[in-house]
Amino acid sequence: MAERGIAVIRPAQLARLLGSQRATEGADGAGTGDAAGTAGGAGVARKSGAASGSGPAGGSGFAGGRGRERARHTPAYQALADGIRVLVLEGRVPVGARLPAERELATALAVSRTTVATAFEALRAAGFLESRRGAGSWIAFPAGAPLPARGLGPLPPERAGQLIDLGYASLPAPEPWLTRAVRGATEALPPYALTHGDYPAGLPALRQTIAERYTARGVPTMPEQIMVTTGAMGATDAIISLFAPRGERVAVESPSYANILQLLRDAGARLVPVAMAEGTGGWDVARWRQVLREAVPRLAYVVADFHNPTGALADEESRRALTTAARAAGTVLLVDETMAELRLDADLDAPSAMPRPVCAFDPAGSTVITVGSASKAFWAGLRVGWVRAAPETIRRLVAARAYADLGTPVLEQLALNWLLTTGGWEEAVALRRAQAAANRAALVAAIRARLPDWEFTVPRGGLTLWVRAGGLSGSRIAAAGEEAGVRVPSGPRFGVDGAFEGYLRLPFTVAGSLAEEAADRLAHATALVRAGAGAHTAAQRGLIA
């Protein structure tokens, strides 16, 4: 029996999530499931006549356009059961979550109680629901199947041959630089082995090296402004714990990085989404000013350089303006720089072609806290990140670390320091850029050839392509992808309350013929969804780990 009571899904919340799925199918060929307040943040130009908006909060969105045509062939209870099953497979409704009572959900969806009761019975028969008289109903999962992940992580290595993994935006290590770095770290290790090995702020040598790199970028930085962490996620978690305790408002780009959104939800933050500008131009500064002025969030999380998932690059004036607005509102601006070195277009290599870092407009670090990492630019297996902030903020983060992980592994810090001080980092990152650029070209060509109705803007850097999936539900394509042999994250993972249902994120992690095969499998998954499959078909197969 599944554990009960870990979450309660309210009727209106479930109605919004289900409505966003159906809204993508409500327009003939170009529907979109953006939630209210996020239209225009898709990162692609809209087709003429495209519909926009999620289903109403109090309705299921089961009717409309293609949705009505399909409804004549699919019983309402089956459509409802399939919709809930997709939400479970995606991890957006967690296993163990308590569902609303049948009568309450029927009212929220504007359907009969019989429809809800029959849908619940279908879910129980498939192993997705458990119920007990007097205790209600809660989400379960079929016995023997791996639980769906709520965030995005890599497939276990043993499953690598079963699916093409487009769920994880990271590449294999750039050799021979990883091996050389580990050898260099081993040679530098003996003096540190004579100590207790705990460095809560990070190795002094690495803090000095990172500070010097910021100074070289035009932002004078002292080692006292740097804390080394266990990856960017470790850094972000520590900052959230310090600045946004449970119940605080946190402004986030819409869309935003899925794992950070889930981290914020788990921390009890009240998310305030702010739509991105059209295309890959970055932020809508006017909207940011309005949100900062009216919502007064304690913290704001942004990715200025090759945004995940859209690939957007914020210009220098936007960086200055957002920093000024955050300072005026008393909001701490948490800037994720993990993609900053992954510029892929050759002209961005020219001097001054890239905008200055956001922290250049707040060098003391009182408003802007910057997070960096070796994981995207070098290798995800090198779990070393860092924070740049005011010295007092660093002291507070270090003090709190005594109750978390105490410190980052010494050997990995030494390996990164070797890379940064020998020129190995520049060589490795150049290799990474060339690989990602070639993968980008292969993926873009394959998608354009096999799925010509999918829309996207090619980003100038980063590791991800943000795609509108031809008016279909991204969640259903992701679920059908399991049947087709490809793993891909859908748009709602990167939004709030069902936003971006009509989108998928595709990373630049496969090359050449594998990119073509991935596009073929995505085309097959899309065909399954167009034929009315998706949740029901994919539920019979292995699920995303």
Protein backbone atom coordinates (compact mmCIF):
# COMPACT_ATOMS: atom_id res chain seq x y z
CA MET A 1 0.00 0.00 0.00
CA ALA A 2 1.26 3.45 -0.84
CA GLU A 3 2.10 5.83 1.95
CA ARG A 4 -0.80 8.22 2.45
CA GLY A 5 -1.09 11.82 3.48
CA ILE A 6 2.18 13.23 2.09
CA ALA A 7 0.21 15.74 0.00
CA VAL A 8 -3.37 16.81 -0.54
CA ILE A 9 -4.48 17.69 -4.07
CA ARG A 10 -7.24 20.30 -3.98
CA PRO A 11 -10.11 20.10 -6.49
CA ALA A 12 -9.26 23.42 -8.18
CA GLN A 13 -5.58 22.48 -8.40
CA LEU A 14 -6.32 19.14 -10.07
CA ALA A 15 -8.81 20.86 -12.39
CA ARG A 16 -6.11 23.33 -13.52
CA LEU A 17 -3.59 20.55 -14.16
CA LEU A 18 -6.10 18.51 -16.14
CA GLY A 19 -7.38 21.57 -17.96
CA SER A 20 -3.89 22.50 -19.14
CA GLN A 21 -3.56 19.08 -20.78
CA ARG A 22 -6.80 19.38 -22.69
CA ALA A 23 -6.27 23.01 -23.67
CA THR A 24 -3.42 21.99 -25.98
CA GLU A 25 -5.93 19.89 -27.91
CA GLY A 26 -8.64 22.55 -27.92
CA ALA A 27 -7.38 24.38 -31.02
CA ASP A 28 -7.05 22.92 -34.48
CA GLY A 29 -3.35 22.25 -34.83
CA ALA A 30 -1.83 25.09 -32.82
CA GLY A 31 -3.20 25.00 -29.29
CA THR A 32 -1.08 25.78 -26.26
CA GLY A 33 -1.37 24.99 -22.61
CA ASP A 34 0.31 28.04 -21.11
CA ALA A 35 -1.16 28.93 -17.76
CA ALA A 36 -2.49 32.39 -17.12
CA GLY A 37 0.28 34.89 -16.79
CA THR A 38 2.77 32.88 -18.86
CA ALA A 39 1.55 33.48 -22.39
CA GLY A 40 4.38 34.88 -24.41
CA GLY A 41 7.03 33.15 -22.34
CA ALA A 42 7.36 30.16 -24.61
CA GLY A 43 10.56 31.09 -26.33
CA VAL A 44 9.05 30.70 -29.82
CA ALA A 45 6.96 32.86 -32.12
CA ARG A 46 3.27 32.01 -32.10
CA LYS A 47 1.54 30.86 -35.26
CA SER A 48 -1.28 32.97 -36.58
CA GLY A 49 -4.52 31.91 -34.98
CA ALA A 50 -2.89 29.88 -32.18
CA ALA A 51 -5.06 29.43 -29.16
CA SER A 52 -3.70 30.30 -25.74
CA GLY A 53 -4.63 29.74 -22.14
CA SER A 54 -5.21 26.82 -19.84
CA GLY A 55 -8.56 25.34 -19.07
CA PRO A 56 -10.59 27.31 -16.52
CA ALA A 57 -9.75 26.65 -12.90
CA GLY A 58 -13.20 25.29 -12.34
CA GLY A 59 -13.42 23.14 -15.48
CA SER A 60 -11.66 20.15 -16.96
CA GLY A 61 -11.14 21.58 -20.42
CA PHE A 62 -12.39 18.28 -21.89
CA ALA A 63 -14.41 20.04 -24.62
CA GLY A 64 -13.34 22.17 -27.57
CA GLY A 65 -12.05 21.73 -31.14
CA ARG A 66 -10.13 18.49 -31.55
CA GLY A 67 -10.97 17.75 -27.92
CA ARG A 68 -14.70 17.52 -28.81
CA GLU A 69 -13.97 15.28 -31.77
CA ARG A 70 -11.91 12.92 -29.65
CA ALA A 71 -14.50 13.06 -26.86
CA ARG A 72 -17.00 11.36 -29.18
CA HIS A 73 -14.69 8.34 -29.30
CA THR A 74 -13.30 8.37 -25.75
CA PRO A 75 -15.68 8.05 -22.78
CA ALA A 76 -15.43 11.00 -20.39
CA TYR A 77 -14.40 8.74 -17.50
CA GLN A 78 -11.55 7.26 -19.57
CA ALA A 79 -10.34 10.74 -20.58
CA LEU A 80 -10.32 11.74 -16.90
CA ALA A 81 -8.52 8.57 -15.83
CA ASP A 82 -5.93 8.98 -18.57
CA GLY A 83 -5.38 12.61 -17.60
CA ILE A 84 -4.72 11.73 -13.96
CA ARG A 85 -2.47 8.85 -15.03
CA VAL A 86 -0.35 11.25 -17.12
CA LEU A 87 0.04 13.57 -14.13
CA VAL A 88 1.24 10.63 -12.03
CA LEU A 89 3.65 9.35 -14.70
CA GLU A 90 5.10 12.86 -14.96
CA GLY A 91 5.58 13.09 -11.19
CA ARG A 92 3.40 16.22 -11.02
CA VAL A 93 0.92 14.44 -8.76
CA PRO A 94 3.10 12.52 -6.28
CA VAL A 95 2.54 8.94 -5.25
CA GLY A 96 0.70 8.94 -1.93
CA ALA A 97 -1.08 12.23 -2.58
CA ARG A 98 -4.70 12.29 -1.41
CA LEU A 99 -7.23 13.07 -4.15
CA PRO A 100 -10.37 15.14 -3.61
CA ALA A 101 -13.65 13.45 -2.75
CA GLU A 102 -15.64 12.32 -5.78
CA ARG A 103 -18.40 14.89 -5.28
CA GLU A 104 -15.92 17.80 -4.85
CA LEU A 105 -13.92 16.83 -7.92
CA ALA A 106 -17.07 16.39 -10.02
CA THR A 107 -18.12 19.93 -9.10
CA ALA A 108 -14.68 21.37 -9.93
CA LEU A 109 -14.57 19.58 -13.29
CA ALA A 110 -18.24 20.25 -14.14
CA VAL A 111 -18.87 16.56 -14.80
CA SER A 112 -21.15 14.03 -13.16
CA ARG A 113 -20.16 12.23 -10.00
CA THR A 114 -20.63 8.96 -11.92
CA THR A 115 -17.89 10.04 -14.35
CA VAL A 116 -15.46 10.66 -11.49
CA ALA A 117 -16.40 7.44 -9.69
CA THR A 118 -15.93 5.37 -12.86
CA ALA A 119 -12.58 7.07 -13.58
CA PHE A 120 -11.41 6.30 -10.04
CA GLU A 121 -12.44 2.69 -10.51
CA ALA A 122 -10.43 2.49 -13.75
CA LEU A 123 -7.39 3.94 -11.94
CA ARG A 124 -7.77 1.42 -9.11
CA ALA A 125 -7.93 -1.42 -11.63
CA ALA A 126 -4.71 -0.19 -13.27
CA GLY A 127 -2.91 0.13 -9.94
CA PHE A 128 -2.79 3.95 -9.90
CA LEU A 129 -5.24 4.51 -7.05
CA GLU A 130 -6.06 3.02 -3.67
CA SER A 131 -9.14 3.77 -1.62
CA ARG A 132 -10.62 2.87 1.72
CA ARG A 133 -14.09 3.70 3.02
CA GLY A 134 -13.85 6.61 5.40
CA ALA A 135 -10.23 7.37 4.45
CA GLY A 136 -10.68 8.58 0.86
CA SER A 137 -8.51 7.82 -2.18
CA TRP A 138 -4.81 8.35 -2.73
CA ILE A 139 -2.37 7.94 -5.62
CA ALA A 140 -0.62 4.57 -5.86
CA PHE A 141 1.66 3.01 -8.44
CA PRO A 142 1.53 -0.37 -10.20
CA ALA A 143 3.48 -3.02 -8.32
CA GLY A 144 6.95 -3.73 -9.70
CA ALA A 145 7.26 -0.51 -11.72
CA PRO A 146 9.94 2.07 -10.82
CA LEU A 147 8.46 5.20 -9.25
CA PRO A 148 8.39 8.31 -11.46
CA ALA A 149 10.87 11.03 -10.60
CA ARG A 150 9.45 14.41 -9.60
CA GLY A 151 12.62 16.16 -10.76
CA LEU A 152 14.86 15.43 -13.73
CA GLY A 153 17.77 13.06 -13.34
CA PRO A 154 19.75 10.73 -15.58
CA LEU A 155 18.64 7.23 -16.42
CA PRO A 156 20.53 4.61 -14.42
CA PRO A 157 23.47 3.35 -16.53
CA GLU A 158 21.95 -0.11 -16.71
CA ARG A 159 18.94 1.31 -18.62
CA ALA A 160 21.02 3.31 -21.09
CA GLY A 161 20.57 0.75 -23.85
CA GLN A 162 16.79 0.60 -23.49
CA LEU A 163 15.89 4.23 -24.18
CA ILE A 164 17.41 7.26 -25.86
CA ASP A 165 17.71 9.62 -22.90
CA LEU A 166 16.71 13.19 -23.72
CA GLY A 167 15.73 13.85 -20.13
CA TYR A 168 19.10 14.99 -18.86
CA ALA A 169 21.00 18.02 -20.15
CA SER A 170 24.56 16.87 -19.55
CA LEU A 171 27.34 15.34 -21.63
CA PRO A 172 30.02 12.70 -20.99
CA ALA A 173 33.30 13.88 -19.45
CA PRO A 174 35.67 15.75 -21.81
CA GLU A 175 38.67 13.47 -21.82
CA PRO A 176 41.59 13.45 -21.37
CA TRP A 177 40.97 16.43 -19.09
CA LEU A 178 39.05 14.57 -16.40
CA THR A 179 41.78 11.96 -16.05
CA ARG A 180 44.50 14.60 -15.99
CA ALA A 181 42.62 16.62 -13.36
CA VAL A 182 42.22 13.58 -11.10
CA ARG A 183 45.91 12.79 -11.43
CA GLY A 184 46.78 16.39 -10.58
CA ALA A 185 44.46 16.28 -7.58
CA THR A 186 46.06 13.06 -6.32
CA GLU A 187 49.50 14.66 -6.53
CA ALA A 188 48.28 17.68 -4.55
CA LEU A 189 46.45 15.61 -1.92
CA PRO A 190 49.18 14.60 0.62
CA PRO A 191 49.28 17.88 2.62
CA TYR A 192 45.48 17.88 2.93
CA ALA A 193 45.46 14.25 4.05
CA LEU A 194 47.30 15.38 7.20
CA THR A 195 44.28 17.52 8.19
CA HIS A 196 40.78 16.53 9.33
CA GLY A 197 39.57 17.18 5.76
CA ASP A 198 36.52 19.32 6.60
CA TYR A 199 36.54 22.72 4.85
CA PRO A 200 33.01 24.15 5.23
CA ALA A 201 33.83 27.24 3.14
CA GLY A 202 35.90 25.26 0.64
CA LEU A 203 39.63 24.79 0.14
CA PRO A 204 41.36 28.17 0.51
CA ALA A 205 43.27 27.61 -2.74
CA LEU A 206 40.08 26.98 -4.73
CA ARG A 207 38.26 29.94 -3.14
CA GLN A 208 41.20 32.13 -4.17
CA THR A 209 41.15 30.75 -7.72
CA ILE A 210 37.41 31.30 -8.17
CA ALA A 211 37.67 34.84 -6.73
CA GLU A 212 40.46 35.65 -9.20
CA ARG A 213 38.33 34.43 -12.10
CA TYR A 214 35.51 36.80 -11.13
CA THR A 215 38.02 39.63 -10.83
CA ALA A 216 39.33 38.80 -14.32
CA ARG A 217 35.73 39.08 -15.59
CA GLY A 218 35.58 42.63 -14.30
CA VAL A 219 33.97 41.95 -10.90
CA PRO A 220 36.52 42.50 -8.10
CA THR A 221 36.10 39.60 -5.67
CA MET A 222 37.79 38.49 -2.46
CA PRO A 223 38.08 34.84 -1.37
CA GLU A 224 35.86 35.77 1.58
CA GLN A 225 33.04 36.26 -0.94
CA ILE A 226 33.25 32.64 -2.14
CA MET A 227 31.90 29.41 -0.65
CA VAL A 228 32.56 26.11 -2.41
CA THR A 229 29.55 23.76 -2.44
CA THR A 230 28.57 20.28 -3.53
CA GLY A 231 27.25 21.27 -6.93
CA ALA A 232 24.95 24.14 -7.87
CA MET A 233 21.95 22.34 -6.36
CA GLY A 234 23.73 22.21 -3.01
CA ALA A 235 24.47 25.91 -3.28
CA THR A 236 20.90 26.79 -4.21
CA ASP A 237 19.45 24.63 -1.44
CA ALA A 238 21.62 26.42 1.14
CA ILE A 239 20.57 29.86 -0.15
CA ILE A 240 16.87 28.93 -0.16
CA SER A 241 17.13 27.66 3.41
CA LEU A 242 18.75 30.92 4.53
CA PHE A 243 16.64 33.46 2.62
CA ALA A 244 13.30 31.80 1.87
CA PRO A 245 12.01 29.76 4.80
CA ARG A 246 8.68 27.96 4.40
CA GLY A 247 5.87 30.21 3.25
CA GLU A 248 8.03 32.96 1.71
CA ARG A 249 7.32 34.19 -1.82
CA VAL A 250 9.96 33.33 -4.41
CA ALA A 251 9.77 34.81 -7.91
CA VAL A 252 10.85 32.50 -10.74
CA GLU A 253 11.10 32.78 -14.49
CA SER A 254 8.31 31.08 -16.37
CA PRO A 255 9.44 28.61 -17.62
CA SER A 256 12.31 27.80 -15.30
CA TYR A 257 14.69 24.96 -14.43
CA ALA A 258 12.54 22.01 -13.33
CA ASN A 259 14.75 20.72 -10.51
CA ILE A 260 14.97 24.15 -8.89
CA LEU A 261 11.20 24.53 -9.07
CA GLN A 262 10.78 21.20 -7.32
CA LEU A 263 13.40 22.13 -4.72
CA LEU A 264 11.47 25.33 -4.00
CA ARG A 265 8.15 23.48 -3.76
CA ASP A 266 9.63 20.95 -1.35
CA ALA A 267 10.98 23.84 0.74
CA GLY A 268 7.46 25.25 1.04
CA ALA A 269 8.06 28.35 -1.07
CA ARG A 270 5.14 30.24 -2.61
CA LEU A 271 6.15 30.44 -6.27
CA VAL A 272 5.46 33.64 -8.22
CA PRO A 273 6.00 32.96 -11.95
CA VAL A 274 7.19 35.77 -14.24
CA ALA A 275 6.88 35.16 -17.98
CA MET A 276 9.97 35.25 -20.17
CA ALA A 277 10.07 37.56 -23.17
CA GLU A 278 9.27 36.20 -26.63
CA GLY A 279 12.00 34.32 -28.49
CA THR A 280 15.35 33.86 -26.77
CA GLY A 281 15.84 37.50 -25.80
CA GLY A 282 15.70 36.97 -22.05
CA TRP A 283 13.55 38.69 -19.45
CA ASP A 284 10.49 40.88 -19.72
CA VAL A 285 11.87 43.57 -17.41
CA ALA A 286 8.56 45.47 -17.19
CA ARG A 287 6.85 42.35 -15.83
CA TRP A 288 9.70 41.79 -13.39
CA ARG A 289 9.39 45.34 -12.07
CA GLN A 290 5.66 44.85 -11.57
CA VAL A 291 6.06 41.52 -9.74
CA LEU A 292 8.88 42.79 -7.53
CA ARG A 293 6.88 45.92 -6.66
CA GLU A 294 3.54 44.20 -6.01
CA ALA A 295 4.45 40.72 -4.68
CA VAL A 296 7.67 41.79 -2.89
CA PRO A 297 9.20 38.28 -3.02
CA ARG A 298 11.97 37.56 -0.54
CA LEU A 299 14.01 35.76 -3.22
CA ALA A 300 14.06 35.64 -7.02
CA TYR A 301 15.72 32.84 -9.00
CA VAL A 302 16.94 33.69 -12.52
CA VAL A 303 19.21 32.25 -15.22
CA ALA A 304 20.69 35.11 -17.25
CA ASP A 305 23.07 33.11 -19.45
CA PHE A 306 21.57 30.53 -21.84
CA HIS A 307 18.51 29.99 -19.73
CA ASN A 308 17.31 26.49 -18.95
CA PRO A 309 15.07 25.51 -20.75
CA THR A 310 14.67 28.26 -23.39
CA GLY A 311 18.35 29.07 -24.03
CA ALA A 312 17.62 32.81 -23.66
CA LEU A 313 20.50 35.24 -23.12
CA ALA A 314 19.63 38.38 -21.14
CA ASP A 315 21.28 41.54 -22.44
CA GLU A 316 23.36 43.83 -20.29
CA GLU A 317 20.75 46.55 -19.85
CA SER A 318 18.20 43.97 -18.64
CA ARG A 319 20.71 42.72 -16.09
CA ARG A 320 21.28 46.22 -14.79
CA ALA A 321 17.56 46.99 -14.67
CA LEU A 322 16.62 43.78 -12.87
CA THR A 323 19.35 44.28 -10.28
CA THR A 324 18.14 47.83 -9.65
CA ALA A 325 14.52 46.68 -9.32
CA ALA A 326 15.46 43.86 -6.94
CA ARG A 327 17.48 46.24 -4.77
CA ALA A 328 14.55 48.67 -4.57
CA ALA A 329 12.15 45.88 -3.58
CA GLY A 330 14.49 44.35 -1.01
CA THR A 331 14.53 41.10 -2.99
CA VAL A 332 17.61 38.89 -3.04
CA LEU A 333 18.45 38.00 -6.64
CA LEU A 334 19.76 34.43 -6.93
CA VAL A 335 21.54 34.20 -10.28
CA ASP A 336 22.35 30.77 -11.73
CA GLU A 337 25.50 30.94 -13.90
CA THR A 338 25.92 27.22 -14.54
CA MET A 339 25.43 27.64 -18.31
CA ALA A 340 27.44 30.88 -18.63
CA GLU A 341 30.46 29.39 -20.40
CA LEU A 342 28.46 27.35 -22.90
CA ARG A 343 28.28 29.92 -25.71
CA LEU A 344 27.94 28.02 -28.98
CA ASP A 345 27.79 30.69 -31.70
CA ALA A 346 31.28 31.67 -32.87
CA ASP A 347 30.63 35.43 -32.80
CA LEU A 348 30.08 35.26 -29.02
CA ASP A 349 33.79 34.50 -28.61
CA ALA A 350 34.68 38.07 -29.63
CA PRO A 351 35.82 40.43 -26.85
CA SER A 352 32.87 42.07 -25.09
CA ALA A 353 30.38 39.99 -27.12
CA MET A 354 28.92 38.45 -23.96
CA PRO A 355 27.11 40.69 -21.46
CA ARG A 356 28.80 41.30 -18.14
CA PRO A 357 27.73 38.99 -15.30
CA VAL A 358 24.75 40.14 -13.24
CA CYS A 359 26.95 40.48 -10.16
CA ALA A 360 28.89 43.23 -11.99
CA PHE A 361 25.96 45.50 -11.15
CA ASP A 362 26.17 44.59 -7.45
CA PRO A 363 29.85 43.77 -6.84
CA ALA A 364 29.51 43.86 -3.05
CA GLY A 365 27.02 40.99 -3.28
CA SER A 366 24.34 42.48 -1.03
CA THR A 367 21.53 42.07 -3.60
CA VAL A 368 22.93 39.56 -6.11
CA ILE A 369 24.00 36.10 -4.99
CA THR A 370 25.64 34.13 -7.80
CA VAL A 371 25.79 30.35 -8.11
CA GLY A 372 28.25 28.61 -10.44
CA SER A 373 29.23 25.02 -11.07
CA ALA A 374 31.58 22.72 -12.95
CA SER A 375 28.78 20.28 -13.70
CA LYS A 376 27.34 21.74 -16.93
CA ALA A 377 30.43 23.27 -18.50
CA PHE A 378 32.69 20.33 -17.62
CA TRP A 379 31.03 17.15 -16.29
CA ALA A 380 28.04 16.40 -14.05
CA GLY A 381 30.11 13.82 -12.17
CA LEU A 382 32.39 16.57 -10.85
CA ARG A 383 30.05 17.74 -8.09
CA VAL A 384 31.66 21.08 -7.28
CA GLY A 385 29.79 24.38 -7.25
CA TRP A 386 30.23 27.74 -5.60
CA VAL A 387 28.46 30.80 -4.26
CA ARG A 388 29.58 34.40 -4.71
CA ALA A 389 27.99 36.84 -2.26
CA ALA A 390 28.75 39.44 0.41
CA PRO A 391 31.23 38.18 3.05
CA GLU A 392 28.52 38.31 5.74
CA THR A 393 26.22 36.14 3.62
CA ILE A 394 29.04 33.66 3.05
CA ARG A 395 29.67 33.49 6.81
CA ARG A 396 26.00 32.75 7.46
CA LEU A 397 25.93 30.06 4.77
CA VAL A 398 29.08 28.45 6.16
CA ALA A 399 27.70 28.48 9.71
CA ALA A 400 24.50 26.77 8.55
CA ARG A 401 26.49 24.14 6.70
CA ALA A 402 27.47 22.45 9.95
CA TYR A 403 23.97 20.94 9.97
CA ALA A 404 24.03 19.90 6.32
CA ASP A 405 26.98 18.29 4.50
CA LEU A 406 29.94 19.90 6.37
CA GLY A 407 31.88 20.38 3.15
CA THR A 408 32.62 19.37 -0.43
CA PRO A 409 34.95 16.39 -1.10
CA VAL A 410 38.57 17.53 -1.02
CA LEU A 411 39.74 15.45 -3.97
CA GLU A 412 37.09 16.92 -6.28
CA GLN A 413 37.97 20.46 -5.19
CA LEU A 414 41.63 19.77 -5.94
CA ALA A 415 40.70 18.41 -9.37
CA LEU A 416 38.73 21.55 -10.21
CA ASN A 417 41.52 23.77 -8.91
CA TRP A 418 43.99 21.91 -11.13
CA LEU A 419 41.77 22.52 -14.15
CA LEU A 420 41.31 26.23 -13.37
CA THR A 421 45.00 26.95 -12.76
CA THR A 422 46.67 24.95 -15.54
CA GLY A 423 44.63 25.98 -18.59
CA GLY A 424 42.91 22.60 -18.61
CA TRP A 425 39.53 24.22 -17.94
CA GLU A 426 39.70 26.37 -21.08
CA GLU A 427 40.76 23.39 -23.20
CA ALA A 428 38.01 21.19 -21.79
CA VAL A 429 35.29 23.81 -22.13
CA ALA A 430 36.32 24.51 -25.73
CA LEU A 431 35.89 20.79 -26.41
CA ARG A 432 32.52 20.85 -24.68
CA ARG A 433 31.34 23.82 -26.76
CA ALA A 434 32.34 22.17 -30.01
CA GLN A 435 30.55 18.96 -29.04
CA ALA A 436 27.39 20.76 -27.93
CA ALA A 437 27.34 22.92 -31.10
CA ALA A 438 27.61 19.84 -33.32
CA ASN A 439 24.87 18.10 -31.34
CA ARG A 440 22.67 21.20 -31.62
CA ALA A 441 23.04 21.23 -35.40
CA ALA A 442 22.24 17.51 -35.66
CA LEU A 443 19.18 17.72 -33.40
CA VAL A 444 17.77 20.84 -35.06
CA ALA A 445 18.14 19.32 -38.53
CA ALA A 446 16.55 16.04 -37.44
CA ILE A 447 13.56 17.70 -35.77
CA ARG A 448 12.96 20.03 -38.72
CA ALA A 449 13.03 17.06 -41.11
CA ARG A 450 10.82 14.68 -39.15
CA LEU A 451 8.54 17.01 -37.16
CA PRO A 452 8.15 20.11 -39.35
CA ASP A 453 5.15 21.45 -37.42
CA TRP A 454 7.19 21.74 -34.19
CA GLU A 455 8.24 25.33 -33.46
CA PHE A 456 11.39 26.60 -31.77
CA THR A 457 14.05 29.29 -31.81
CA VAL A 458 17.62 27.99 -31.97
CA PRO A 459 19.46 29.32 -28.89
CA ARG A 460 22.94 30.82 -29.14
CA GLY A 461 24.29 28.72 -26.31
CA GLY A 462 23.47 26.37 -23.46
CA LEU A 463 22.37 22.78 -23.74
CA THR A 464 18.62 22.86 -24.40
CA LEU A 465 16.05 23.47 -27.13
CA TRP A 466 12.57 24.61 -26.04
CA VAL A 467 10.00 23.25 -28.49
CA ARG A 468 6.29 23.75 -29.05
CA ALA A 469 4.99 20.33 -30.00
CA GLY A 470 2.62 21.10 -32.85
CA GLY A 471 -0.44 21.78 -30.70
CA LEU A 472 -0.27 18.46 -28.85
CA SER A 473 0.15 17.76 -25.14
CA GLY A 474 3.83 17.55 -24.20
CA SER A 475 2.90 15.37 -21.24
CA ARG A 476 1.21 12.83 -23.50
CA ILE A 477 4.12 12.83 -25.95
CA ALA A 478 6.49 12.24 -23.03
CA ALA A 479 4.36 9.36 -21.80
CA ALA A 480 4.09 7.87 -25.31
CA GLY A 481 7.83 8.28 -25.68
CA GLU A 482 8.29 5.36 -23.33
CA GLU A 483 6.47 3.20 -25.88
CA ALA A 484 8.56 4.66 -28.69
CA GLY A 485 11.90 4.24 -26.91
CA VAL A 486 12.78 7.85 -26.10
CA ARG A 487 12.74 9.65 -22.77
CA VAL A 488 11.88 13.35 -22.93
CA PRO A 489 10.67 15.87 -20.31
CA SER A 490 7.47 17.75 -21.02
CA GLY A 491 6.89 21.47 -20.64
CA PRO A 492 4.83 21.42 -17.43
CA ARG A 493 7.89 20.24 -15.49
CA PHE A 494 9.33 23.70 -16.18
CA GLY A 495 6.23 25.69 -15.26
CA VAL A 496 3.85 26.35 -12.38
CA ASP A 497 0.38 24.77 -12.13
CA GLY A 498 0.29 23.12 -15.53
CA ALA A 499 1.86 25.87 -17.61
CA PHE A 500 3.58 24.96 -20.91
CA GLU A 501 1.58 21.80 -21.52
CA GLY A 502 2.23 22.17 -25.25
CA TYR A 503 6.03 22.12 -24.92
CA LEU A 504 9.01 19.78 -24.63
CA ARG A 505 12.65 20.38 -23.70
CA LEU A 506 15.23 18.66 -25.91
CA PRO A 507 18.90 18.70 -24.82
CA PHE A 508 21.98 18.76 -27.04
CA THR A 509 23.21 15.40 -25.77
CA VAL A 510 22.90 13.13 -28.82
CA ALA A 511 24.83 13.39 -32.07
CA GLY A 512 24.59 12.35 -35.70
CA SER A 513 22.61 9.20 -36.38
CA LEU A 514 21.47 8.98 -32.74
CA ALA A 515 19.89 12.43 -33.04
CA GLU A 516 18.08 11.23 -36.16
CA GLU A 517 16.89 8.10 -34.37
CA ALA A 518 15.70 10.19 -31.42
CA ALA A 519 13.71 12.40 -33.80
CA ASP A 520 12.22 9.27 -35.46
CA ARG A 521 11.11 7.97 -32.08
CA LEU A 522 9.66 11.34 -31.12
CA ALA A 523 7.75 11.35 -34.39
CA HIS A 524 6.39 7.90 -33.56
CA ALA A 525 5.39 9.07 -30.07
CA THR A 526 3.66 12.08 -31.63
CA ALA A 527 1.78 9.79 -34.00
CA LEU A 528 0.61 7.70 -31.03
CA VAL A 529 -0.73 10.82 -29.32
CA ARG A 530 -2.47 12.01 -32.47
CA ALA A 531 -4.13 8.59 -32.66
CA GLY A 532 -5.43 9.02 -29.11
CA ALA A 533 -2.76 7.06 -27.23
CA GLY A 534 -0.26 8.52 -24.79
CA ALA A 535 -1.03 7.81 -21.17
CA HIS A 536 -2.90 4.56 -21.69
CA THR A 537 -0.36 3.01 -24.07
CA ALA A 538 2.77 4.07 -22.23
CA ALA A 539 1.46 2.96 -18.85
CA GLN A 540 1.98 -0.63 -19.90
CA ARG A 541 5.75 -0.15 -20.33
CA GLY A 542 8.71 0.73 -18.14
CA LEU A 543 8.58 4.21 -16.65
CA ILE A 544 11.04 7.06 -16.23
CA ALA A 545 13.38 6.44 -13.32
